Amino acid sequence: MVSHRCRNCAWWDNKHPSVARIPIELLKVEPGFCRRRKAGSLQIGQHLYGAHPVMDADEFCGEFKGE
């Protein structure tokens, strides 16, 4: 099995309090944020919010960085 998963990556953040507000509809078993890049913006009504990509602990990407 490939060990380059979000859970083992230096950019993985599943400890921030806002992780608890990730909607269950995203179907992430172990949700967290990828902090590799700066947050993008998300507009809801007339308000802008910063948002990092929501990932699952078992997902994989090509920009993995070990601890």
Protein backbone atom coordinates (compact mmCIF):
# COMPACT_ATOMS: atom_id res chain seq x y z
CA MET A 1 0.00 0.00 0.00
CA VAL A 2 1.21 3.50 -0.81
CA SER A 3 2.09 5.45 2.34
CA HIS A 4 1.76 8.83 0.60
CA ARG A 5 -1.70 9.51 2.06
CA CYS A 6 -3.05 12.70 3.61
CA ARG A 7 -2.83 11.27 7.15
CA ASN A 8 0.99 11.00 6.78
CA CYS A 9 1.53 14.36 5.10
CA ALA A 10 3.04 17.46 6.74
CA TRP A 11 0.31 19.61 5.16
CA TRP A 12 -2.58 17.58 6.65
CA ASP A 13 -4.67 19.31 9.34
CA ASN A 14 -7.47 17.40 11.04
CA LYS A 15 -7.05 19.03 14.48
CA HIS A 16 -8.44 22.51 13.75
CA PRO A 17 -11.82 23.15 15.46
CA SER A 18 -13.49 23.97 12.12
CA VAL A 19 -13.02 20.35 10.97
CA ALA A 20 -16.07 19.53 13.11
CA ARG A 21 -18.18 21.75 10.82
CA ILE A 22 -17.30 19.91 7.61
CA PRO A 23 -20.64 18.73 6.18
CA ILE A 24 -21.32 15.00 6.36
CA GLU A 25 -22.65 15.25 2.77
CA LEU A 26 -19.04 15.39 1.52
CA LEU A 27 -18.75 11.70 2.49
CA LYS A 28 -15.35 12.04 4.15
CA VAL A 29 -14.74 9.29 6.71
CA GLU A 30 -11.79 11.09 8.35
CA PRO A 31 -12.05 14.70 7.13
CA GLY A 32 -9.38 17.35 7.36
CA PHE A 33 -7.84 20.22 5.43
CA CYS A 34 -4.97 20.27 2.96
CA ARG A 35 -2.84 23.28 3.96
CA ARG A 36 -0.43 22.93 1.01
CA ARG A 37 -1.69 26.06 -0.74
CA LYS A 38 -3.27 29.28 0.51
CA ALA A 39 -6.99 29.20 1.10
CA GLY A 40 -9.27 29.91 -1.83
CA SER A 41 -12.31 32.09 -1.52
CA LEU A 42 -15.90 30.96 -1.33
CA GLN A 43 -18.77 33.41 -1.72
CA ILE A 44 -22.01 32.75 0.11
CA GLY A 45 -24.48 35.57 -0.37
CA GLN A 46 -22.56 38.81 0.01
CA HIS A 47 -19.86 37.31 2.25
CA LEU A 48 -16.49 35.88 1.26
CA TYR A 49 -14.92 33.03 3.23
CA GLY A 50 -11.48 31.47 3.04
CA ALA A 51 -11.59 27.74 2.44
CA HIS A 52 -8.87 25.09 2.20
CA PRO A 53 -9.59 21.90 0.25
CA VAL A 54 -11.39 19.27 2.33
CA MET A 55 -9.70 15.89 2.04
CA ASP A 56 -10.06 12.44 3.55
CA ALA A 57 -7.18 10.89 5.53
CA ASP A 58 -6.84 8.08 2.95
CA GLU A 59 -6.67 10.31 -0.13
CA PHE A 60 -3.48 10.68 -2.16
CA CYS A 61 -1.95 13.53 -4.15
CA GLY A 62 1.28 14.12 -6.01
CA GLU A 63 2.45 16.90 -3.65
CA PHE A 64 2.89 14.70 -0.58
CA LYS A 65 5.44 15.94 1.95
CA GLY A 66 6.43 13.63 4.78
CA GLU A 67 6.61 14.83 8.37
